[in-house]
Amino acid sequence: MTVLVLAIILTLSTLRGTISTGLPSLDPDVGLNTVEIIENHGYPCENHYITTEDGYILTFQRIPHGKNDDGSGKKPAVLLMHGLISSSADYVNMGPNRSLSYILADIGYDVWLGNARGNAWSRNHTTLDVVDDAERFFDFSWHEIGHYDLPAAIDYILNLKGDDNLYYVGHSQGCTAFLVFASTRPEYNDKIKMASLMGPASIMEHQFGSLLKVLSKYINELEAMFAKYKIYELPYPEVIREVALNLCSQPDFSDTCEAILSTVDGADETQLDISKLPVIFSNAPSNAATKQFIHYGQQIKNGGFAQYDHGAEKNKEIYGTETPPAYDLSKISAPVGLYYGRNDRLVPYQDVETLIGKLPNVAEDYLVSWELFNHLDFIFSTDVVDLLYVDLIKVMQQY
């Protein structure tokens, strides 16, 4: 999960008519997409189009080398995957020396920025139209992102480079997808040098005070409502972005923006750079299927870490059992580093500790030292380099 969740749609929408639409002079990255932000800072950027086994056409960005590198020489590939209702922009929003993509590119990595099916960059399919065939197009959760998107992307990158394996970094849903991928496609574990998982959303039994915890109590009713009203994806992300961008660009509303984010992810005002919020909201929230939300809600309500619950009758048809099967995490043989925060409302540290106990090859168990470190701090914290990235990169380089 990342940046915003469903209640913020209502919160921001009520403010839409009360704020100025004229933006003051701001960060030069405001209003730019991922490619434009990367190029705005003088880095090379490429778009790559990857077709999955089930026909989705994904757009990934690539930073093949650092700004002061001529591109010569072999570079190890690293794939970075974003969280729920987000995109590749997460890894470039904070600019050079702060966003992980630039740091990795500058120290010699070939950086690939993923975009999961259905988000703003990946809305094409070989046979389905995103509007006319919306019900079928958005018939996926994060299970399909892990089971189909990641294998397609990894094969594409390795085939292009002629390599045997690559590094993986995920945040939130990017971690969920990896756990699905490596457990349901265990043959791919050999293609992962190491996976670094930040705020690894999976087991969700210690949720406290978060919106998802409240919504999970009514997850079956929400699923029925979405089906009844034909709501297949997050409603009006463009409107939410417009309102949030304008709102957070006004000095008088900075406290409101901070309060909304704290409600979702945990308060950490000392690590929140208010000046970067307009850049973040230029691309977030991005598009996502409602089934992604429903699947997370099921994990909170039912416990464990399992495949999508379609109801007893359909479960028996699909899985052969009335309840969805749990993901077999013992099949994940790739080295995995777990990074988590004590103040993360969406991925409580107790659940990460449970996850660590289920993984057979834990390369790093890293509880961030800052007591207030929350779910967004993994990518947006002012001091994230010293608090997290130094250790993450050091462990990566051991593999």
Protein backbone atom coordinates (compact mmCIF):
# COMPACT_ATOMS: atom_id res chain seq x y z
CA MET A 1 0.00 0.00 0.00
CA THR A 2 1.31 3.47 -0.62
CA VAL A 3 0.57 7.17 -0.55
CA LEU A 4 -3.26 7.18 -0.33
CA VAL A 5 -6.15 4.83 0.27
CA LEU A 6 -9.86 4.96 -0.33
CA ALA A 7 -10.94 7.39 2.40
CA ILE A 8 -8.63 10.09 1.10
CA ILE A 9 -10.72 10.17 -2.08
CA LEU A 10 -13.58 11.49 -0.01
CA THR A 11 -11.43 13.79 2.12
CA LEU A 12 -9.76 15.51 -0.82
CA SER A 13 -12.82 15.59 -3.04
CA THR A 14 -14.67 17.72 -0.49
CA LEU A 15 -11.87 20.28 -0.71
CA ARG A 16 -11.74 20.43 -4.50
CA GLY A 17 -13.75 23.61 -4.85
CA THR A 18 -12.12 25.47 -1.97
CA ILE A 19 -8.53 25.79 -3.17
CA SER A 20 -6.69 27.82 -5.73
CA THR A 21 -5.88 26.20 -9.05
CA GLY A 22 -2.95 28.51 -9.72
CA LEU A 23 0.24 26.88 -8.48
CA PRO A 24 3.04 29.00 -7.05
CA SER A 25 6.61 28.56 -8.18
CA LEU A 26 7.61 25.12 -6.93
CA ASP A 27 10.07 22.30 -7.35
CA PRO A 28 10.87 21.96 -11.09
CA ASP A 29 9.66 18.33 -10.99
CA VAL A 30 6.09 19.31 -10.15
CA GLY A 31 3.69 18.16 -12.87
CA LEU A 32 6.21 15.86 -14.56
CA ASN A 33 5.90 12.12 -15.09
CA THR A 34 8.61 9.54 -14.34
CA VAL A 35 10.48 9.91 -17.63
CA GLU A 36 10.35 13.70 -17.53
CA ILE A 37 11.61 13.79 -13.94
CA ILE A 38 14.54 11.49 -14.74
CA GLU A 39 15.53 13.49 -17.81
CA ASN A 40 15.04 16.75 -15.92
CA HIS A 41 17.93 15.70 -13.69
CA GLY A 42 20.22 14.81 -16.57
CA TYR A 43 19.94 11.02 -16.41
CA PRO A 44 19.31 8.78 -19.43
CA CYS A 45 15.90 7.11 -19.55
CA GLU A 46 14.33 4.47 -21.76
CA ASN A 47 10.80 3.08 -21.98
CA HIS A 48 10.51 -0.68 -22.44
CA TYR A 49 7.31 -2.55 -23.28
CA ILE A 50 6.89 -6.00 -21.77
CA THR A 51 4.05 -8.41 -22.62
CA THR A 52 2.95 -10.87 -19.95
CA GLU A 53 1.84 -14.46 -20.43
CA ASP A 54 -1.80 -13.37 -20.02
CA GLY A 55 -1.57 -10.47 -22.48
CA TYR A 56 -0.95 -7.33 -20.41
CA ILE A 57 1.49 -4.85 -21.92
CA LEU A 58 3.59 -3.21 -19.22
CA THR A 59 5.70 -0.08 -19.57
CA PHE A 60 8.93 -0.10 -17.56
CA GLN A 61 11.45 2.71 -17.32
CA ARG A 62 15.19 2.07 -17.41
CA ILE A 63 18.07 4.23 -16.20
CA PRO A 64 20.92 2.31 -17.86
CA HIS A 65 23.71 4.22 -16.12
CA GLY A 66 24.49 7.21 -13.94
CA LYS A 67 24.58 10.82 -15.00
CA ASN A 68 28.38 11.00 -15.07
CA ASP A 69 28.86 7.60 -16.71
CA ASP A 70 29.36 7.07 -20.44
CA GLY A 71 27.43 3.80 -20.29
CA SER A 72 30.36 1.56 -21.13
CA GLY A 73 31.04 -1.61 -19.22
CA LYS A 74 28.80 -4.35 -17.88
CA LYS A 75 26.42 -3.28 -15.11
CA PRO A 76 24.30 -5.51 -12.86
CA ALA A 77 20.55 -5.02 -13.25
CA VAL A 78 18.26 -4.11 -10.38
CA LEU A 79 14.47 -4.08 -10.66
CA LEU A 80 12.53 -1.69 -8.40
CA MET A 81 8.78 -2.28 -7.88
CA HIS A 82 6.33 0.21 -6.41
CA GLY A 83 3.43 -0.16 -3.98
CA LEU A 84 -0.36 -0.06 -4.29
CA ILE A 85 -1.91 2.85 -6.25
CA SER A 86 1.55 3.99 -7.18
CA SER A 87 4.09 3.83 -10.01
CA SER A 88 7.73 4.06 -10.99
CA ALA A 89 7.63 7.73 -9.96
CA ASP A 90 8.03 6.63 -6.32
CA TYR A 91 11.68 5.90 -6.96
CA VAL A 92 12.54 9.24 -8.59
CA ASN A 93 10.37 11.81 -6.77
CA MET A 94 12.93 12.89 -4.18
CA GLY A 95 15.65 13.70 -6.72
CA PRO A 96 19.33 12.73 -6.98
CA ASN A 97 21.13 11.77 -3.77
CA ARG A 98 17.80 10.90 -2.11
CA SER A 99 15.80 8.64 -4.45
CA LEU A 100 17.09 5.08 -4.60
CA SER A 101 17.04 4.82 -8.41
CA TYR A 102 19.55 7.65 -8.93
CA ILE A 103 21.79 6.42 -6.12
CA LEU A 104 21.95 2.92 -7.61
CA ALA A 105 22.55 4.25 -11.12
CA ASP A 106 25.36 6.50 -9.91
CA ILE A 107 27.19 3.66 -8.14
CA GLY A 108 27.12 1.38 -11.18
CA TYR A 109 23.77 -0.39 -11.48
CA ASP A 110 21.49 -0.75 -14.50
CA VAL A 111 18.23 0.39 -12.92
CA TRP A 112 14.79 -0.81 -14.05
CA LEU A 113 11.63 0.82 -12.69
CA GLY A 114 8.55 -1.37 -12.87
CA ASN A 115 4.91 -0.43 -13.45
CA ALA A 116 2.36 -3.05 -12.45
CA ARG A 117 -0.59 -3.89 -14.68
CA GLY A 118 -3.40 -1.36 -14.55
CA ASN A 119 -1.43 1.64 -13.31
CA ALA A 120 -1.02 4.85 -15.31
CA TRP A 121 1.84 3.38 -17.40
CA SER A 122 0.54 -0.15 -17.96
CA ARG A 123 -2.99 0.12 -19.35
CA ASN A 124 -2.66 -1.88 -22.56
CA HIS A 125 -3.44 -5.48 -23.44
CA THR A 126 -3.09 -7.64 -26.53
CA THR A 127 -6.86 -8.24 -26.79
CA LEU A 128 -8.66 -6.25 -24.05
CA ASP A 129 -9.48 -2.55 -24.02
CA VAL A 130 -9.04 -0.80 -20.67
CA VAL A 131 -12.40 1.01 -21.05
CA ASP A 132 -14.64 -1.21 -23.19
CA ASP A 133 -13.46 -4.41 -21.48
CA ALA A 134 -12.88 -2.92 -18.03
CA GLU A 135 -14.49 -5.79 -16.11
CA ARG A 136 -12.14 -8.33 -17.67
CA PHE A 137 -9.12 -6.02 -17.87
CA PHE A 138 -9.22 -5.28 -14.13
CA ASP A 139 -9.97 -8.83 -13.07
CA PHE A 140 -6.72 -9.15 -11.13
CA SER A 141 -5.22 -8.56 -7.71
CA TRP A 142 -1.60 -8.40 -6.62
CA HIS A 143 -1.49 -12.18 -7.09
CA GLU A 144 -1.41 -11.74 -10.88
CA ILE A 145 1.19 -8.97 -10.57
CA GLY A 146 3.47 -11.44 -8.80
CA HIS A 147 2.59 -14.52 -10.81
CA TYR A 148 2.62 -12.94 -14.30
CA ASP A 149 4.12 -9.43 -14.32
CA LEU A 150 7.33 -10.17 -12.44
CA PRO A 151 8.32 -13.31 -14.41
CA ALA A 152 7.70 -11.50 -17.69
CA ALA A 153 9.75 -8.50 -16.58
CA ILE A 154 12.63 -10.54 -15.21
CA ASP A 155 12.83 -12.71 -18.34
CA TYR A 156 12.75 -9.60 -20.52
CA ILE A 157 15.54 -7.85 -18.61
CA LEU A 158 17.78 -10.91 -18.41
CA ASN A 159 17.27 -11.79 -22.09
CA LEU A 160 18.09 -8.22 -23.10
CA LYS A 161 21.24 -8.12 -21.01
CA GLY A 162 22.32 -11.74 -21.47
CA ASP A 163 22.54 -12.18 -17.69
CA ASP A 164 21.54 -15.10 -15.47
CA ASN A 165 20.15 -13.11 -12.55
CA LEU A 166 19.36 -9.65 -11.15
CA TYR A 167 18.68 -7.77 -7.93
CA TYR A 168 15.16 -6.95 -6.79
CA VAL A 169 13.91 -4.12 -4.57
CA GLY A 170 10.27 -3.74 -3.59
CA HIS A 171 8.21 -1.42 -1.45
CA SER A 172 4.89 -2.50 0.10
CA GLN A 173 2.88 -4.18 -2.70
CA GLY A 174 6.16 -4.57 -4.57
CA CYS A 175 7.13 -6.91 -1.71
CA THR A 176 3.78 -8.70 -1.75
CA ALA A 177 4.22 -9.35 -5.46
CA PHE A 178 7.72 -10.73 -4.91
CA LEU A 179 6.54 -13.15 -2.21
CA VAL A 180 3.79 -14.37 -4.57
CA PHE A 181 6.25 -14.63 -7.46
CA ALA A 182 9.01 -16.49 -5.62
CA SER A 183 6.61 -18.93 -3.91
CA THR A 184 4.36 -19.73 -6.91
CA ARG A 185 7.20 -19.69 -9.45
CA PRO A 186 10.01 -21.24 -7.37
CA GLU A 187 12.06 -21.98 -10.50
CA TYR A 188 12.69 -18.23 -10.73
CA ASN A 189 14.51 -18.01 -7.39
CA ASP A 190 17.81 -18.77 -9.14
CA LYS A 191 17.27 -15.63 -11.23
CA ILE A 192 17.29 -13.40 -8.12
CA LYS A 193 20.69 -12.46 -6.71
CA MET A 194 18.97 -10.89 -3.75
CA ALA A 195 15.59 -9.34 -2.95
CA SER A 196 15.39 -6.29 -0.67
CA LEU A 197 11.86 -5.86 0.69
CA MET A 198 10.91 -2.54 2.30
CA GLY A 199 7.71 -2.51 4.35
CA PRO A 200 6.85 -6.05 3.17
CA ALA A 201 3.04 -6.24 3.08
CA SER A 202 1.98 -9.88 3.49
CA ILE A 203 0.88 -11.20 6.88
CA MET A 204 -1.35 -8.47 8.32
CA GLU A 205 -2.59 -9.69 11.69
CA HIS A 206 -1.41 -6.75 13.82
CA GLN A 207 -3.05 -3.89 11.94
CA PHE A 208 -4.05 -1.15 14.32
CA GLY A 209 -6.05 2.00 13.69
CA SER A 210 -5.54 1.99 9.93
CA LEU A 211 -8.26 2.56 7.38
CA LEU A 212 -7.66 -0.89 5.92
CA LYS A 213 -8.31 -2.44 9.34
CA VAL A 214 -11.70 -0.73 9.50
CA LEU A 215 -12.61 -1.54 5.90
CA SER A 216 -11.56 -5.18 6.25
CA LYS A 217 -14.51 -5.83 8.57
CA TYR A 218 -16.81 -5.10 5.64
CA ILE A 219 -14.69 -6.54 2.88
CA ASN A 220 -17.40 -8.87 1.52
CA GLU A 221 -19.92 -6.01 1.44
CA LEU A 222 -17.40 -3.76 -0.31
CA GLU A 223 -16.67 -6.42 -2.91
CA ALA A 224 -20.41 -6.81 -3.57
CA MET A 225 -20.84 -3.03 -3.83
CA PHE A 226 -18.00 -2.70 -6.32
CA ALA A 227 -19.53 -5.46 -8.45
CA LYS A 228 -23.03 -3.97 -8.27
CA TYR A 229 -21.91 -0.51 -9.36
CA LYS A 230 -19.32 -1.83 -11.84
CA ILE A 231 -16.38 -0.21 -10.01
CA TYR A 232 -13.44 -2.19 -11.31
CA GLU A 233 -10.60 0.23 -10.55
CA LEU A 234 -9.80 3.02 -8.10
CA PRO A 235 -12.28 5.81 -8.95
CA TYR A 236 -11.05 9.16 -10.27
CA PRO A 237 -7.29 8.98 -9.56
CA GLU A 238 -6.72 11.95 -11.88
CA VAL A 239 -9.15 14.06 -9.83
CA ILE A 240 -7.49 13.00 -6.59
CA ARG A 241 -4.08 13.93 -7.97
CA GLU A 242 -5.33 17.33 -9.14
CA VAL A 243 -6.90 18.13 -5.77
CA ALA A 244 -3.95 16.84 -3.76
CA LEU A 245 -1.44 18.68 -5.95
CA ASN A 246 -3.27 21.97 -5.57
CA LEU A 247 -3.98 21.47 -1.90
CA CYS A 248 -0.43 20.55 -0.93
CA SER A 249 0.98 23.39 -3.03
CA GLN A 250 -0.74 25.93 -0.78
CA PRO A 251 1.24 26.83 2.37
CA ASP A 252 -1.98 27.18 4.37
CA PHE A 253 -2.88 23.56 3.65
CA SER A 254 0.48 21.89 4.37
CA ASP A 255 -0.67 20.81 7.83
CA THR A 256 -3.77 19.23 6.30
CA CYS A 257 -1.67 17.19 3.85
CA GLU A 258 0.61 16.06 6.64
CA ALA A 259 -2.35 15.07 8.82
CA ILE A 260 -3.93 13.00 6.03
CA LEU A 261 -0.71 11.08 5.37
CA SER A 262 -0.14 10.52 9.10
CA THR A 263 -3.63 9.08 9.46
CA VAL A 264 -2.87 6.50 6.79
CA ASP A 265 0.73 5.55 7.50
CA GLY A 266 1.73 6.80 10.96
CA ALA A 267 2.88 10.23 12.08
CA ASP A 268 6.51 11.17 11.41
CA GLU A 269 6.54 14.89 10.72
CA THR A 270 10.28 15.21 11.28
CA GLN A 271 10.97 12.99 8.25
CA LEU A 272 8.29 14.43 5.96
CA ASP A 273 9.56 17.00 3.45
CA ILE A 274 6.46 19.11 2.86
CA SER A 275 8.07 20.82 -0.14
CA LYS A 276 8.15 17.48 -2.02
CA LEU A 277 4.45 16.71 -1.64
CA PRO A 278 3.50 18.52 -4.87
CA VAL A 279 6.04 16.36 -6.74
CA ILE A 280 4.67 13.19 -5.15
CA PHE A 281 1.07 14.11 -5.94
CA SER A 282 1.93 14.85 -9.56
CA ASN A 283 1.81 11.08 -10.11
CA ALA A 284 0.09 9.61 -7.07
CA PRO A 285 -2.30 8.00 -6.61
CA SER A 286 -2.00 5.97 -9.76
CA ASN A 287 -4.59 3.54 -11.12
CA ALA A 288 -5.24 0.14 -9.55
CA ALA A 289 -7.86 -2.61 -9.64
CA THR A 290 -10.35 -2.69 -6.77
CA LYS A 291 -9.49 -6.39 -6.36
CA GLN A 292 -6.03 -5.35 -5.13
CA PHE A 293 -7.67 -3.55 -2.19
CA ILE A 294 -10.10 -6.41 -1.59
CA HIS A 295 -7.28 -8.96 -1.49
CA TYR A 296 -5.41 -6.97 1.17
CA GLY A 297 -8.63 -6.62 3.14
CA GLN A 298 -9.04 -10.40 3.04
CA GLN A 299 -5.57 -10.87 4.52
CA ILE A 300 -6.44 -8.60 7.44
CA LYS A 301 -9.83 -10.20 8.05
CA ASN A 302 -8.86 -13.85 7.57
CA GLY A 303 -5.27 -13.83 8.79
CA GLY A 304 -2.34 -15.59 7.18
CA PHE A 305 -1.09 -14.93 3.66
CA ALA A 306 -3.28 -16.60 1.06
CA GLN A 307 -4.57 -16.41 -2.48
CA TYR A 308 -7.72 -14.50 -3.41
CA ASP A 309 -10.90 -15.65 -1.64
CA HIS A 310 -13.65 -15.95 -4.26
CA GLY A 311 -16.13 -17.55 -1.87
CA ALA A 312 -16.48 -21.24 -1.00
CA GLU A 313 -18.15 -22.38 -4.21
CA LYS A 314 -15.80 -20.64 -6.64
CA ASN A 315 -12.79 -21.44 -4.47
CA LYS A 316 -13.60 -25.14 -4.82
CA GLU A 317 -13.83 -24.71 -8.58
CA ILE A 318 -10.52 -22.82 -8.84
CA TYR A 319 -8.42 -24.26 -6.01
CA GLY A 320 -10.15 -27.54 -5.22
CA THR A 321 -10.82 -26.39 -1.65
CA GLU A 322 -13.43 -24.13 -0.05
CA THR A 323 -10.75 -21.82 1.33
CA PRO A 324 -7.93 -20.26 -0.72
CA PRO A 325 -4.52 -21.91 -0.33
CA ALA A 326 -1.81 -20.17 1.65
CA TYR A 327 1.34 -19.13 -0.18
CA ASP A 328 4.12 -21.59 0.60
CA LEU A 329 6.88 -19.20 1.68
CA SER A 330 9.24 -22.13 2.33
CA LYS A 331 9.71 -22.33 -1.45
CA ILE A 332 11.47 -18.93 -1.54
CA SER A 333 15.14 -19.89 -1.73
CA ALA A 334 16.51 -16.54 -2.98
CA PRO A 335 18.28 -14.41 -0.35
CA VAL A 336 15.81 -11.89 1.08
CA GLY A 337 16.49 -8.74 3.11
CA LEU A 338 13.60 -7.44 5.23
CA TYR A 339 13.43 -3.75 6.13
CA TYR A 340 10.68 -2.48 8.41
CA GLY A 341 9.69 0.34 10.76
CA ARG A 342 8.27 0.39 14.27
CA ASN A 343 5.71 3.11 13.40
CA ASP A 344 4.38 1.51 10.20
CA ARG A 345 0.60 1.29 10.57
CA LEU A 346 0.13 -0.59 7.32
CA VAL A 347 2.85 -3.21 7.86
CA PRO A 348 3.33 -3.58 11.63
CA TYR A 349 6.75 -4.76 12.71
CA GLN A 350 5.26 -7.76 14.57
CA ASP A 351 3.93 -9.14 11.27
CA VAL A 352 7.30 -8.69 9.59
CA GLU A 353 8.89 -10.64 12.42
CA THR A 354 6.40 -13.45 11.74
CA LEU A 355 7.25 -13.30 8.03
CA ILE A 356 10.97 -13.50 8.79
CA GLY A 357 10.36 -16.73 10.70
CA LYS A 358 8.73 -18.28 7.62
CA LEU A 359 11.44 -17.43 5.06
CA PRO A 360 14.27 -19.97 4.67
CA ASN A 361 17.01 -17.62 3.44
CA VAL A 362 16.94 -14.30 5.30
CA ALA A 363 19.96 -12.21 4.31
CA GLU A 364 19.10 -9.19 6.47
CA ASP A 365 16.66 -8.47 9.30
CA TYR A 366 16.69 -4.68 9.63
CA LEU A 367 14.38 -2.76 11.94
CA VAL A 368 15.02 0.92 11.17
CA SER A 369 16.45 2.67 14.21
CA TRP A 370 14.25 5.77 13.94
CA GLU A 371 11.29 5.07 16.24
CA LEU A 372 8.80 7.04 14.14
CA PHE A 373 9.77 5.48 10.79
CA ASN A 374 6.52 4.80 8.91
CA HIS A 375 5.32 3.20 5.69
CA LEU A 376 6.04 6.13 3.38
CA ASP A 377 9.43 6.84 4.92
CA PHE A 378 10.96 3.94 2.97
CA ILE A 379 10.81 6.07 -0.17
CA PHE A 380 10.10 9.65 0.98
CA SER A 381 11.94 10.10 4.30
CA THR A 382 14.30 13.08 4.51
CA ASP A 383 17.04 10.91 6.04
CA VAL A 384 16.21 7.64 4.32
CA VAL A 385 19.69 7.29 2.82
CA ASP A 386 21.41 7.15 6.22
CA LEU A 387 18.56 5.40 8.00
CA LEU A 388 18.06 2.67 5.41
CA TYR A 389 19.68 2.79 1.98
CA VAL A 390 23.28 2.59 3.19
CA ASP A 391 22.59 -0.78 4.80
CA LEU A 392 20.36 -2.00 1.97
CA ILE A 393 23.05 -1.32 -0.63
CA LYS A 394 25.82 -2.74 1.54
CA VAL A 395 23.94 -6.03 1.89
CA MET A 396 23.10 -6.07 -1.85
CA GLN A 397 26.78 -5.75 -2.68
CA GLN A 398 27.56 -8.85 -0.67
CA TYR A 399 25.64 -10.82 -3.31
